[in-house]
């Protein structure tokens, strides 16, 4: 594994059980590992296990289902799953890179996301579900930001 989620990462999209697509601000490519393994490795790369990140998120926002996590505190990298992360291969998005989102007019049960770099992506998740996930990530990001500000 040689990829860590970072400030350029927009999405980690599962392709199958052992491959995923990495979408960054200026490029995208496939890697031969699951989306969950990319997230798990990224947590460990920055010094904390995925399980510990989940426990920390629970303490901060009191959510146990489709929990957003902090990948790296210093730059506030928060990612969130839009499908259940317990399935082992979820669709993950970077909270800080999303500019807006809205229901897809063409497909019921889908949401369109526009990232800050202008890229648009349609995901097969209802607007209601996506909004709920985005709000959880927002709460987590806010708690982390507040704590970082108090430290300085």
Protein backbone atom coordinates (compact mmCIF):
# COMPACT_ATOMS: atom_id res chain seq x y z
CA UNK A 1 0.00 0.00 0.00
CA UNK A 2 1.50 3.31 -0.97
CA UNK A 3 -1.40 5.78 -0.81
CA UNK A 4 -2.40 7.94 2.12
CA UNK A 5 -5.49 10.14 2.14
CA UNK A 6 -4.34 13.77 2.14
CA UNK A 7 -5.56 17.32 1.46
CA UNK A 8 -5.74 16.56 -2.30
CA UNK A 9 -8.01 13.53 -1.85
CA UNK A 10 -11.63 14.05 -2.89
CA UNK A 11 -12.99 10.50 -2.85
CA UNK A 12 -12.05 6.87 -2.39
CA UNK A 13 -14.48 4.83 -4.46
CA UNK A 14 -14.79 1.03 -4.28
CA UNK A 15 -14.60 -0.76 -7.62
CA UNK A 16 -14.78 -4.28 -6.20
CA UNK A 17 -13.59 -6.12 -3.08
CA UNK A 18 -9.91 -5.55 -3.77
CA UNK A 19 -9.70 -2.45 -5.98
CA UNK A 20 -10.71 1.17 -5.59
CA UNK A 21 -10.47 4.45 -7.42
CA UNK A 22 -8.70 7.41 -5.84
CA UNK A 23 -10.03 10.78 -6.96
CA UNK A 24 -7.78 13.74 -6.21
CA UNK A 25 -8.07 17.42 -7.10
CA UNK A 26 -6.08 17.08 -10.32
CA UNK A 27 -6.08 13.37 -11.15
CA UNK A 28 -7.68 10.00 -10.50
CA UNK A 29 -6.37 6.46 -10.68
CA UNK A 30 -7.08 2.92 -9.53
CA UNK A 31 -5.22 1.09 -6.78
CA UNK A 32 -5.15 -2.62 -6.07
CA UNK A 33 -6.63 -2.53 -2.59
CA UNK A 34 -10.07 -1.99 -1.09
CA UNK A 35 -11.33 1.45 -0.14
CA UNK A 36 -11.44 0.36 3.49
CA UNK A 37 -7.77 -0.67 3.38
CA UNK A 38 -6.86 2.78 2.00
CA UNK A 39 -8.68 4.44 4.92
CA UNK A 40 -7.24 2.00 7.46
CA UNK A 41 -3.69 2.46 6.12
CA UNK A 42 -4.08 6.26 6.10
CA UNK A 43 -5.06 6.29 9.77
CA UNK A 44 -2.09 4.12 10.66
CA UNK A 45 0.27 6.19 8.51
CA UNK A 46 -0.63 9.22 10.63
CA UNK A 47 -0.06 7.25 13.83
CA UNK A 48 -3.48 6.06 15.01
CA UNK A 49 -5.42 2.89 14.25
CA UNK A 50 -8.74 3.00 12.40
CA UNK A 51 -10.46 1.50 15.45
CA UNK A 52 -9.07 4.27 17.68
CA UNK A 53 -10.24 6.88 15.15
CA UNK A 54 -13.76 5.38 15.28
CA UNK A 55 -13.75 5.46 19.08
CA UNK A 56 -12.57 9.08 19.06
CA UNK A 57 -15.30 10.08 16.62
CA UNK A 58 -17.90 8.43 18.84
CA UNK A 59 -16.67 10.39 21.86
CA UNK A 60 -16.90 13.63 19.87
CA UNK A 61 -20.22 13.22 18.03
CA UNK A 62 -21.96 10.24 19.68
CA UNK A 63 -22.63 8.43 16.41
CA UNK A 64 -22.03 4.72 15.77
CA UNK A 65 -23.37 4.23 12.25
CA UNK A 66 -21.50 5.41 9.13
CA UNK A 67 -19.09 7.32 11.35
CA UNK A 68 -16.85 10.06 9.92
CA UNK A 69 -13.23 9.87 11.02
CA UNK A 70 -10.24 12.15 11.37
CA UNK A 71 -7.37 10.96 9.22
CA UNK A 72 -4.95 13.69 10.31
CA UNK A 73 -5.57 16.42 12.89
CA UNK A 74 -3.03 19.08 11.96
CA UNK A 75 -4.64 19.89 8.63
CA UNK A 76 -8.12 18.74 9.68
CA UNK A 77 -8.51 15.84 7.25
CA UNK A 78 -11.96 14.40 7.93
CA UNK A 79 -13.47 11.71 5.71
CA UNK A 80 -16.88 10.12 5.87
CA UNK A 81 -18.46 6.98 4.43
CA UNK A 82 -21.64 7.32 2.40
CA UNK A 83 -22.35 3.60 2.65
CA UNK A 84 -21.89 1.41 5.67
CA UNK A 85 -18.21 1.10 6.58
CA UNK A 86 -19.01 -2.24 8.25
CA UNK A 87 -19.35 -3.78 4.79
CA UNK A 88 -15.60 -3.32 4.48
CA UNK A 89 -15.66 -1.54 1.15
CA UNK A 90 -17.37 1.80 1.40
CA UNK A 91 -17.44 4.97 -0.65
CA UNK A 92 -15.45 7.63 1.31
CA UNK A 93 -15.46 11.40 0.74
CA UNK A 94 -13.29 14.23 2.00
CA UNK A 95 -15.45 16.63 3.98
CA UNK A 96 -13.30 19.75 3.48
CA UNK A 97 -13.20 19.44 -0.31
CA UNK A 98 -16.98 19.49 -0.86
CA UNK A 99 -18.40 22.82 -2.03
CA UNK A 100 -22.06 21.84 -2.44
CA UNK A 101 -24.39 18.92 -2.99
CA UNK A 102 -27.97 18.50 -4.18
CA UNK A 103 -30.46 15.80 -5.19
CA UNK A 104 -29.92 14.37 -8.66
CA UNK A 105 -32.80 15.32 -10.96
CA UNK A 106 -32.16 12.41 -13.33
CA UNK A 107 -31.99 9.57 -10.81
CA UNK A 108 -34.11 9.27 -7.72
CA UNK A 109 -31.98 8.15 -4.79
CA UNK A 110 -28.80 9.80 -6.06
CA UNK A 111 -26.93 12.91 -4.99
CA UNK A 112 -24.70 15.22 -7.00
CA UNK A 113 -21.60 16.57 -5.28
CA UNK A 114 -19.57 19.52 -6.51
CA UNK A 115 -16.08 19.72 -5.11
CA UNK A 116 -14.16 22.96 -4.56
CA UNK A 117 -12.07 22.29 -7.67
CA UNK A 118 -15.25 22.24 -9.82
CA UNK A 119 -15.45 18.46 -10.31
CA UNK A 120 -18.98 17.08 -10.13
CA UNK A 121 -19.75 13.53 -9.12
CA UNK A 122 -23.04 11.64 -8.90
CA UNK A 123 -23.22 9.09 -6.12
CA UNK A 124 -25.89 6.41 -5.63
CA UNK A 125 -27.00 7.65 -2.21
CA UNK A 126 -30.18 9.53 -1.40
CA UNK A 127 -29.90 13.24 -0.68
CA UNK A 128 -31.35 12.69 2.80
CA UNK A 129 -28.77 10.03 3.66
CA UNK A 130 -25.91 12.06 2.17
CA UNK A 131 -26.98 15.19 4.04
CA UNK A 132 -27.04 13.24 7.30
CA UNK A 133 -23.50 11.96 6.68
CA UNK A 134 -22.26 15.42 5.69
CA UNK A 135 -23.69 16.92 8.89
CA UNK A 136 -21.95 14.29 11.03
CA UNK A 137 -18.66 15.11 9.30
CA UNK A 138 -19.32 18.82 9.85
CA UNK A 139 -19.82 18.26 13.58
CA UNK A 140 -16.64 16.22 13.81
CA UNK A 141 -14.65 18.80 11.84
CA UNK A 142 -15.96 21.57 14.08
CA UNK A 143 -14.98 19.75 17.28
CA UNK A 144 -11.49 19.05 15.92
CA UNK A 145 -11.05 22.68 14.78
CA UNK A 146 -12.17 24.02 18.16
CA UNK A 147 -9.76 21.77 20.00
CA UNK A 148 -6.86 22.68 17.71
CA UNK A 149 -7.56 26.39 18.24
CA UNK A 150 -7.59 25.96 22.02
CA UNK A 151 -4.17 24.30 21.84
CA UNK A 152 -2.56 27.25 20.08
